[in-house]
Amino acid sequence: MLKHLLIPTDGSELSEAAVRAGIQLAKEQGAQVTGLYVIPDYPVIYGTEGMLSFNAYEELERSSHRAADTALQLIEQLAQQEGVPCKTVKVVDISAYESIVRQAKTSGCDLICMASHGRKGISSVLLGSETQKVLSHSSIPVLVHRPALA
């Protein structure tokens, strides 16, 4: 029996589907959920040309926090509708998969429920897969929610 699910989200439609599935699973199991959004920590590149202005960097940061808040509010709303105890966490980190694994351990989760974008071939190699990295580095079981094939 599951007691605590970590549900990472990036705010995408695929993540939303995984959020819904994870909350439904938590409801069926009588478990609680922790919603997680990892804001990318963009390194600032110093130089004379092509550097982001301070204002542009601040706007990128504000925009990232707004996106995180929106995605986490959705998790809270869906959990509340289903009567599932929920907390949310927002972190800034250069490595999303490390944050996901660390948060699952810190929160005492017994399952990570997350989306897979389902990329194949060279695009998966070039873009990488946070889900694949979590699968490879987590000692906590991972439930991968894949999009339905049309």
N, C-alpha and C. Protein backbone atom coordinates (compact mmCIF):
# COMPACT_ATOMS: atom_id res chain seq x y z
N MET A 1 0.84 -1.17 0.00
CA MET A 1 0.00 0.00 0.00
C MET A 1 0.89 1.25 0.00
N LEU A 2 0.57 2.16 -0.87
CA LEU A 2 1.33 3.40 -0.99
C LEU A 2 0.87 4.40 0.05
N LYS A 3 1.83 5.19 0.55
CA LYS A 3 1.50 6.19 1.56
C LYS A 3 1.77 7.61 1.10
N HIS A 4 2.78 7.78 0.23
CA HIS A 4 3.19 9.13 -0.14
C HIS A 4 3.79 9.13 -1.54
N LEU A 5 3.16 9.86 -2.46
CA LEU A 5 3.62 9.95 -3.84
C LEU A 5 4.25 11.32 -4.09
N LEU A 6 5.36 11.32 -4.79
CA LEU A 6 5.94 12.56 -5.30
C LEU A 6 5.49 12.69 -6.74
N ILE A 7 4.92 13.85 -7.09
CA ILE A 7 4.47 14.07 -8.46
C ILE A 7 5.17 15.32 -9.00
N PRO A 8 6.28 15.12 -9.72
CA PRO A 8 6.95 16.27 -10.34
C PRO A 8 6.16 16.73 -11.57
N THR A 9 6.20 18.02 -11.83
CA THR A 9 5.52 18.56 -13.00
C THR A 9 6.38 19.64 -13.64
N ASP A 10 6.22 19.79 -14.95
CA ASP A 10 6.85 20.92 -15.63
C ASP A 10 5.77 21.84 -16.21
N GLY A 11 4.52 21.56 -15.86
CA GLY A 11 3.42 22.40 -16.31
C GLY A 11 2.89 22.06 -17.69
N SER A 12 3.48 21.09 -18.36
CA SER A 12 3.04 20.72 -19.70
C SER A 12 1.76 19.88 -19.64
N GLU A 13 1.13 19.71 -20.80
CA GLU A 13 -0.07 18.87 -20.87
C GLU A 13 0.24 17.43 -20.46
N LEU A 14 1.41 16.94 -20.87
CA LEU A 14 1.78 15.57 -20.50
C LEU A 14 1.97 15.44 -19.00
N SER A 15 2.59 16.45 -18.39
CA SER A 15 2.75 16.44 -16.93
C SER A 15 1.40 16.51 -16.25
N GLU A 16 0.49 17.29 -16.80
CA GLU A 16 -0.84 17.41 -16.20
C GLU A 16 -1.54 16.05 -16.21
N ALA A 17 -1.40 15.30 -17.27
CA ALA A 17 -2.00 13.96 -17.33
C ALA A 17 -1.40 13.06 -16.26
N ALA A 18 -0.09 13.15 -16.06
CA ALA A 18 0.57 12.36 -15.02
C ALA A 18 0.13 12.82 -13.63
N VAL A 19 -0.06 14.12 -13.45
CA VAL A 19 -0.55 14.66 -12.18
C VAL A 19 -1.93 14.07 -11.88
N ARG A 20 -2.80 14.09 -12.86
CA ARG A 20 -4.16 13.56 -12.67
C ARG A 20 -4.12 12.07 -12.31
N ALA A 21 -3.28 11.32 -13.03
CA ALA A 21 -3.16 9.88 -12.77
C ALA A 21 -2.57 9.63 -11.38
N GLY A 22 -1.57 10.41 -11.01
CA GLY A 22 -0.95 10.25 -9.69
C GLY A 22 -1.89 10.57 -8.56
N ILE A 23 -2.68 11.61 -8.72
CA ILE A 23 -3.65 11.98 -7.67
C ILE A 23 -4.74 10.92 -7.57
N GLN A 24 -5.17 10.39 -8.70
CA GLN A 24 -6.17 9.31 -8.66
C GLN A 24 -5.61 8.08 -7.95
N LEU A 25 -4.36 7.73 -8.24
CA LEU A 25 -3.72 6.59 -7.57
C LEU A 25 -3.62 6.85 -6.07
N ALA A 26 -3.22 8.07 -5.71
CA ALA A 26 -3.12 8.41 -4.28
C ALA A 26 -4.48 8.28 -3.60
N LYS A 27 -5.53 8.73 -4.27
CA LYS A 27 -6.88 8.62 -3.71
C LYS A 27 -7.25 7.16 -3.47
N GLU A 28 -6.98 6.32 -4.46
CA GLU A 28 -7.31 4.90 -4.36
C GLU A 28 -6.53 4.21 -3.24
N GLN A 29 -5.30 4.68 -3.00
CA GLN A 29 -4.44 4.07 -2.00
C GLN A 29 -4.55 4.72 -0.62
N GLY A 30 -5.28 5.83 -0.53
CA GLY A 30 -5.35 6.55 0.72
C GLY A 30 -4.02 7.23 1.07
N ALA A 31 -3.31 7.65 0.02
CA ALA A 31 -1.97 8.23 0.19
C ALA A 31 -2.03 9.75 0.09
N GLN A 32 -0.96 10.38 0.49
CA GLN A 32 -0.80 11.82 0.31
C GLN A 32 0.13 12.07 -0.87
N VAL A 33 0.13 13.30 -1.37
CA VAL A 33 1.01 13.64 -2.49
C VAL A 33 1.81 14.90 -2.16
N THR A 34 2.98 14.94 -2.76
CA THR A 34 3.79 16.15 -2.78
C THR A 34 4.01 16.49 -4.24
N GLY A 35 3.58 17.68 -4.63
CA GLY A 35 3.81 18.17 -5.98
C GLY A 35 5.12 18.93 -6.02
N LEU A 36 5.91 18.70 -7.05
CA LEU A 36 7.22 19.33 -7.15
C LEU A 36 7.39 19.99 -8.51
N TYR A 37 7.90 21.21 -8.48
CA TYR A 37 8.28 21.92 -9.71
C TYR A 37 9.72 22.36 -9.54
N VAL A 38 10.58 21.96 -10.48
CA VAL A 38 11.98 22.35 -10.45
C VAL A 38 12.18 23.46 -11.48
N ILE A 39 12.53 24.62 -10.98
CA ILE A 39 12.82 25.76 -11.85
C ILE A 39 14.27 25.65 -12.29
N PRO A 40 14.52 25.67 -13.60
CA PRO A 40 15.91 25.58 -14.06
C PRO A 40 16.73 26.76 -13.56
N ASP A 41 17.91 26.46 -13.06
CA ASP A 41 18.83 27.49 -12.61
C ASP A 41 19.74 27.81 -13.79
N TYR A 42 19.40 28.87 -14.50
CA TYR A 42 20.16 29.23 -15.69
C TYR A 42 21.44 29.94 -15.29
N PRO A 43 22.57 29.42 -15.72
CA PRO A 43 23.82 30.13 -15.42
C PRO A 43 23.89 31.43 -16.23
N VAL A 44 24.42 32.47 -15.61
CA VAL A 44 24.58 33.74 -16.30
C VAL A 44 25.89 33.72 -17.04
N ILE A 45 25.82 34.05 -18.31
CA ILE A 45 27.03 34.08 -19.15
C ILE A 45 27.53 35.51 -19.20
N TYR A 46 28.78 35.68 -18.83
CA TYR A 46 29.36 37.01 -18.83
C TYR A 46 30.10 37.25 -20.13
N GLY A 47 29.98 38.43 -20.63
CA GLY A 47 30.64 38.80 -21.87
C GLY A 47 30.09 40.13 -22.32
N THR A 48 30.61 40.63 -23.41
CA THR A 48 30.17 41.95 -23.85
C THR A 48 29.04 41.86 -24.86
N GLU A 49 28.95 40.76 -25.59
CA GLU A 49 27.90 40.63 -26.60
C GLU A 49 27.05 39.41 -26.30
N GLY A 50 25.76 39.56 -26.50
CA GLY A 50 24.86 38.43 -26.33
C GLY A 50 24.50 38.12 -24.90
N MET A 51 24.97 38.90 -23.96
CA MET A 51 24.65 38.64 -22.56
C MET A 51 23.24 39.13 -22.26
N LEU A 52 22.52 38.38 -21.47
CA LEU A 52 21.20 38.82 -21.04
C LEU A 52 21.37 40.06 -20.16
N SER A 53 20.54 41.04 -20.39
CA SER A 53 20.58 42.19 -19.50
C SER A 53 20.03 41.76 -18.15
N PHE A 54 20.34 42.51 -17.12
CA PHE A 54 19.87 42.20 -15.79
C PHE A 54 18.35 42.16 -15.77
N ASN A 55 17.71 43.11 -16.46
CA ASN A 55 16.25 43.15 -16.51
C ASN A 55 15.67 41.92 -17.20
N ALA A 56 16.30 41.48 -18.28
CA ALA A 56 15.83 40.29 -18.99
C ALA A 56 15.98 39.05 -18.12
N TYR A 57 17.07 38.96 -17.39
CA TYR A 57 17.29 37.82 -16.50
C TYR A 57 16.25 37.82 -15.38
N GLU A 58 15.98 39.00 -14.81
CA GLU A 58 14.96 39.10 -13.77
C GLU A 58 13.59 38.70 -14.29
N GLU A 59 13.26 39.10 -15.51
CA GLU A 59 11.97 38.74 -16.10
C GLU A 59 11.89 37.23 -16.34
N LEU A 60 12.98 36.63 -16.80
CA LEU A 60 13.02 35.18 -16.98
C LEU A 60 12.79 34.47 -15.65
N GLU A 61 13.40 34.98 -14.62
CA GLU A 61 13.24 34.40 -13.28
C GLU A 61 11.80 34.55 -12.80
N ARG A 62 11.22 35.73 -12.95
CA ARG A 62 9.82 35.95 -12.53
C ARG A 62 8.88 35.04 -13.32
N SER A 63 9.12 34.94 -14.61
CA SER A 63 8.28 34.10 -15.47
C SER A 63 8.36 32.63 -15.04
N SER A 64 9.55 32.18 -14.72
CA SER A 64 9.74 30.80 -14.27
C SER A 64 8.98 30.54 -12.97
N HIS A 65 9.02 31.49 -12.05
CA HIS A 65 8.31 31.33 -10.78
C HIS A 65 6.79 31.36 -11.00
N ARG A 66 6.31 32.20 -11.91
CA ARG A 66 4.87 32.22 -12.21
C ARG A 66 4.43 30.88 -12.80
N ALA A 67 5.21 30.33 -13.71
CA ALA A 67 4.87 29.03 -14.30
C ALA A 67 4.85 27.94 -13.23
N ALA A 68 5.81 27.98 -12.33
CA ALA A 68 5.85 27.00 -11.25
C ALA A 68 4.63 27.13 -10.35
N ASP A 69 4.30 28.35 -9.98
CA ASP A 69 3.15 28.57 -9.11
C ASP A 69 1.85 28.09 -9.76
N THR A 70 1.70 28.35 -11.05
CA THR A 70 0.50 27.92 -11.77
C THR A 70 0.40 26.39 -11.79
N ALA A 71 1.50 25.72 -12.09
CA ALA A 71 1.50 24.26 -12.15
C ALA A 71 1.23 23.65 -10.77
N LEU A 72 1.82 24.23 -9.74
CA LEU A 72 1.62 23.69 -8.39
C LEU A 72 0.22 23.98 -7.87
N GLN A 73 -0.35 25.11 -8.24
CA GLN A 73 -1.73 25.40 -7.85
C GLN A 73 -2.69 24.38 -8.45
N LEU A 74 -2.42 23.95 -9.68
CA LEU A 74 -3.26 22.93 -10.31
C LEU A 74 -3.20 21.63 -9.51
N ILE A 75 -2.01 21.24 -9.08
CA ILE A 75 -1.88 20.02 -8.27
C ILE A 75 -2.69 20.16 -6.98
N GLU A 76 -2.55 21.30 -6.33
CA GLU A 76 -3.31 21.53 -5.08
C GLU A 76 -4.81 21.46 -5.32
N GLN A 77 -5.29 22.08 -6.40
CA GLN A 77 -6.72 22.09 -6.70
C GLN A 77 -7.24 20.69 -6.99
N LEU A 78 -6.51 19.94 -7.82
CA LEU A 78 -6.94 18.59 -8.17
C LEU A 78 -6.93 17.68 -6.95
N ALA A 79 -5.90 17.80 -6.11
CA ALA A 79 -5.83 16.98 -4.90
C ALA A 79 -6.98 17.33 -3.96
N GLN A 80 -7.26 18.60 -3.81
CA GLN A 80 -8.35 19.03 -2.94
C GLN A 80 -9.69 18.48 -3.44
N GLN A 81 -9.91 18.53 -4.75
CA GLN A 81 -11.16 18.00 -5.34
C GLN A 81 -11.33 16.52 -5.04
N GLU A 82 -10.22 15.79 -4.98
CA GLU A 82 -10.27 14.35 -4.75
C GLU A 82 -10.11 13.98 -3.28
N GLY A 83 -9.93 14.98 -2.41
CA GLY A 83 -9.78 14.71 -0.99
C GLY A 83 -8.44 14.09 -0.63
N VAL A 84 -7.41 14.40 -1.42
CA VAL A 84 -6.08 13.84 -1.21
C VAL A 84 -5.21 14.88 -0.50
N PRO A 85 -4.62 14.54 0.65
CA PRO A 85 -3.71 15.47 1.31
C PRO A 85 -2.55 15.82 0.39
N CYS A 86 -2.21 17.11 0.35
CA CYS A 86 -1.23 17.57 -0.64
C CYS A 86 -0.39 18.71 -0.08
N LYS A 87 0.89 18.66 -0.40
CA LYS A 87 1.75 19.81 -0.20
C LYS A 87 2.53 20.01 -1.50
N THR A 88 3.04 21.20 -1.68
CA THR A 88 3.81 21.47 -2.89
C THR A 88 5.16 22.06 -2.53
N VAL A 89 6.12 21.83 -3.43
CA VAL A 89 7.48 22.30 -3.24
C VAL A 89 7.97 22.87 -4.56
N LYS A 90 8.61 24.02 -4.47
CA LYS A 90 9.22 24.68 -5.64
C LYS A 90 10.69 24.85 -5.32
N VAL A 91 11.56 24.34 -6.20
CA VAL A 91 13.00 24.49 -5.99
C VAL A 91 13.65 25.02 -7.26
N VAL A 92 14.78 25.67 -7.09
CA VAL A 92 15.59 26.12 -8.21
C VAL A 92 16.85 25.27 -8.21
N ASP A 93 17.10 24.61 -9.33
CA ASP A 93 18.26 23.72 -9.41
C ASP A 93 18.66 23.56 -10.87
N ILE A 94 19.93 23.37 -11.10
CA ILE A 94 20.42 23.15 -12.46
C ILE A 94 20.11 21.74 -12.94
N SER A 95 19.84 20.82 -12.00
CA SER A 95 19.57 19.43 -12.34
C SER A 95 18.20 19.01 -11.84
N ALA A 96 17.25 18.92 -12.74
CA ALA A 96 15.88 18.54 -12.36
C ALA A 96 15.84 17.13 -11.78
N TYR A 97 16.50 16.19 -12.42
CA TYR A 97 16.39 14.81 -11.96
C TYR A 97 16.98 14.65 -10.56
N GLU A 98 18.07 15.35 -10.26
CA GLU A 98 18.65 15.26 -8.92
C GLU A 98 17.70 15.85 -7.87
N SER A 99 17.05 16.93 -8.23
CA SER A 99 16.07 17.53 -7.31
C SER A 99 14.90 16.60 -7.06
N ILE A 100 14.45 15.93 -8.11
CA ILE A 100 13.32 15.00 -7.97
C ILE A 100 13.69 13.85 -7.04
N VAL A 101 14.85 13.24 -7.27
CA VAL A 101 15.29 12.12 -6.43
C VAL A 101 15.49 12.59 -4.99
N ARG A 102 16.13 13.73 -4.82
CA ARG A 102 16.39 14.28 -3.47
C ARG A 102 15.08 14.58 -2.74
N GLN A 103 14.11 15.20 -3.44
CA GLN A 103 12.84 15.55 -2.81
C GLN A 103 12.06 14.31 -2.42
N ALA A 104 12.09 13.28 -3.26
CA ALA A 104 11.40 12.03 -2.92
C ALA A 104 11.95 11.45 -1.63
N LYS A 105 13.27 11.48 -1.47
CA LYS A 105 13.89 10.95 -0.24
C LYS A 105 13.55 11.85 0.95
N THR A 106 13.71 13.15 0.77
CA THR A 106 13.46 14.11 1.85
C THR A 106 12.03 14.03 2.35
N SER A 107 11.08 13.86 1.44
CA SER A 107 9.66 13.83 1.81
C SER A 107 9.20 12.46 2.28
N GLY A 108 10.07 11.45 2.19
CA GLY A 108 9.68 10.11 2.61
C GLY A 108 8.70 9.45 1.67
N CYS A 109 8.82 9.76 0.38
CA CYS A 109 7.89 9.20 -0.61
C CYS A 109 8.23 7.74 -0.90
N ASP A 110 7.21 6.97 -1.21
CA ASP A 110 7.44 5.58 -1.59
C ASP A 110 7.16 5.33 -3.07
N LEU A 111 6.83 6.39 -3.82
CA LEU A 111 6.65 6.29 -5.27
C LEU A 111 6.80 7.67 -5.90
N ILE A 112 7.46 7.71 -7.04
CA ILE A 112 7.53 8.92 -7.86
C ILE A 112 6.66 8.65 -9.07
N CYS A 113 5.71 9.52 -9.33
CA CYS A 113 4.81 9.38 -10.48
C CYS A 113 5.07 10.55 -11.40
N MET A 114 5.59 10.28 -12.59
CA MET A 114 5.94 11.37 -13.49
C MET A 114 5.69 11.02 -14.95
N ALA A 115 5.64 12.05 -15.76
CA ALA A 115 5.36 11.89 -17.19
C ALA A 115 6.62 11.53 -17.95
N SER A 116 6.40 10.92 -19.08
CA SER A 116 7.46 10.72 -20.06
C SER A 116 6.99 11.36 -21.36
N HIS A 117 7.85 12.12 -21.97
CA HIS A 117 7.48 12.78 -23.22
C HIS A 117 7.52 11.82 -24.40
N GLY A 118 8.05 10.63 -24.17
CA GLY A 118 7.99 9.60 -25.20
C GLY A 118 8.85 9.86 -26.42
N ARG A 119 9.90 10.65 -26.27
CA ARG A 119 10.78 10.89 -27.42
C ARG A 119 11.54 9.62 -27.75
N LYS A 120 11.79 9.44 -29.02
CA LYS A 120 12.52 8.26 -29.46
C LYS A 120 13.68 8.69 -30.35
N GLY A 121 14.58 7.76 -30.53
CA GLY A 121 15.68 7.98 -31.46
C GLY A 121 16.60 9.10 -31.06
N ILE A 122 17.08 9.83 -32.06
CA ILE A 122 18.09 10.86 -31.83
C ILE A 122 17.57 12.00 -30.98
N SER A 123 16.26 12.31 -31.06
CA SER A 123 15.75 13.42 -30.25
C SER A 123 15.86 13.10 -28.76
N SER A 124 15.67 11.82 -28.38
CA SER A 124 15.80 11.48 -26.97
C SER A 124 17.26 11.56 -26.52
N VAL A 125 18.17 11.24 -27.42
CA VAL A 125 19.59 11.32 -27.08
C VAL A 125 20.03 12.77 -26.96
N LEU A 126 19.61 13.59 -27.91
CA LEU A 126 20.01 15.00 -27.90
C LEU A 126 19.36 15.80 -26.79
N LEU A 127 18.06 15.56 -26.57
CA LEU A 127 17.34 16.34 -25.58
C LEU A 127 17.49 15.77 -24.18
N GLY A 128 17.86 14.49 -24.09
CA GLY A 128 17.94 13.86 -22.79
C GLY A 128 16.56 13.61 -22.24
N SER A 129 16.49 12.89 -21.18
CA SER A 129 15.20 12.59 -20.57
C SER A 129 15.35 12.65 -19.06
N GLU A 130 14.68 13.62 -18.46
CA GLU A 130 14.72 13.71 -17.00
C GLU A 130 14.10 12.45 -16.40
N THR A 131 13.05 11.93 -17.02
CA THR A 131 12.43 10.71 -16.53
C THR A 131 13.41 9.56 -16.56
N GLN A 132 14.14 9.42 -17.64
CA GLN A 132 15.12 8.34 -17.75
C GLN A 132 16.20 8.48 -16.68
N LYS A 133 16.62 9.72 -16.43
CA LYS A 133 17.64 9.95 -15.40
C LYS A 133 17.10 9.62 -14.01
N VAL A 134 15.84 9.97 -13.75
CA VAL A 134 15.24 9.61 -12.46
C VAL A 134 15.17 8.09 -12.34
N LEU A 135 14.74 7.41 -13.39
CA LEU A 135 14.68 5.95 -13.37
C LEU A 135 16.05 5.34 -13.06
N SER A 136 17.09 5.94 -13.62
CA SER A 136 18.44 5.41 -13.45
C SER A 136 19.05 5.70 -12.08
N HIS A 137 18.62 6.78 -11.44
CA HIS A 137 19.29 7.21 -10.22
C HIS A 137 18.45 7.08 -8.94
N SER A 138 17.19 6.73 -9.06
CA SER A 138 16.33 6.67 -7.88
C SER A 138 16.28 5.27 -7.30
N SER A 139 16.39 5.21 -5.98
CA SER A 139 16.17 3.94 -5.30
C SER A 139 14.69 3.77 -4.94
N ILE A 140 13.92 4.84 -5.15
CA ILE A 140 12.48 4.82 -4.92
C ILE A 140 11.79 4.44 -6.23
N PRO A 141 10.82 3.56 -6.20
CA PRO A 141 10.14 3.16 -7.45
C PRO A 141 9.56 4.37 -8.19
N VAL A 142 9.55 4.26 -9.53
CA VAL A 142 9.07 5.32 -10.39
C VAL A 142 7.97 4.76 -11.29
N LEU A 143 6.82 5.42 -11.26
CA LEU A 143 5.72 5.09 -12.16
C LEU A 143 5.75 6.10 -13.29
N VAL A 144 5.97 5.63 -14.52
CA VAL A 144 6.07 6.52 -15.66
C VAL A 144 4.73 6.55 -16.39
N HIS A 145 4.16 7.73 -16.48
CA HIS A 145 2.89 7.92 -17.18
C HIS A 145 3.20 8.34 -18.60
N ARG A 146 2.84 7.50 -19.55
CA ARG A 146 3.10 7.78 -20.97
C ARG A 146 1.82 8.24 -21.64
N PRO A 147 1.95 9.11 -22.63
CA PRO A 147 0.75 9.55 -23.36
C PRO A 147 0.14 8.39 -24.14
N ALA A 148 -1.17 8.43 -24.26
CA ALA A 148 -1.86 7.39 -25.04
C ALA A 148 -1.50 7.55 -26.51
N LEU A 149 -1.31 6.45 -27.18
CA LEU A 149 -1.00 6.49 -28.60
C LEU A 149 -2.29 6.71 -29.39
N ALA A 150 -2.22 7.58 -30.37
CA ALA A 150 -3.41 7.87 -31.17
C ALA A 150 -3.66 6.80 -32.20
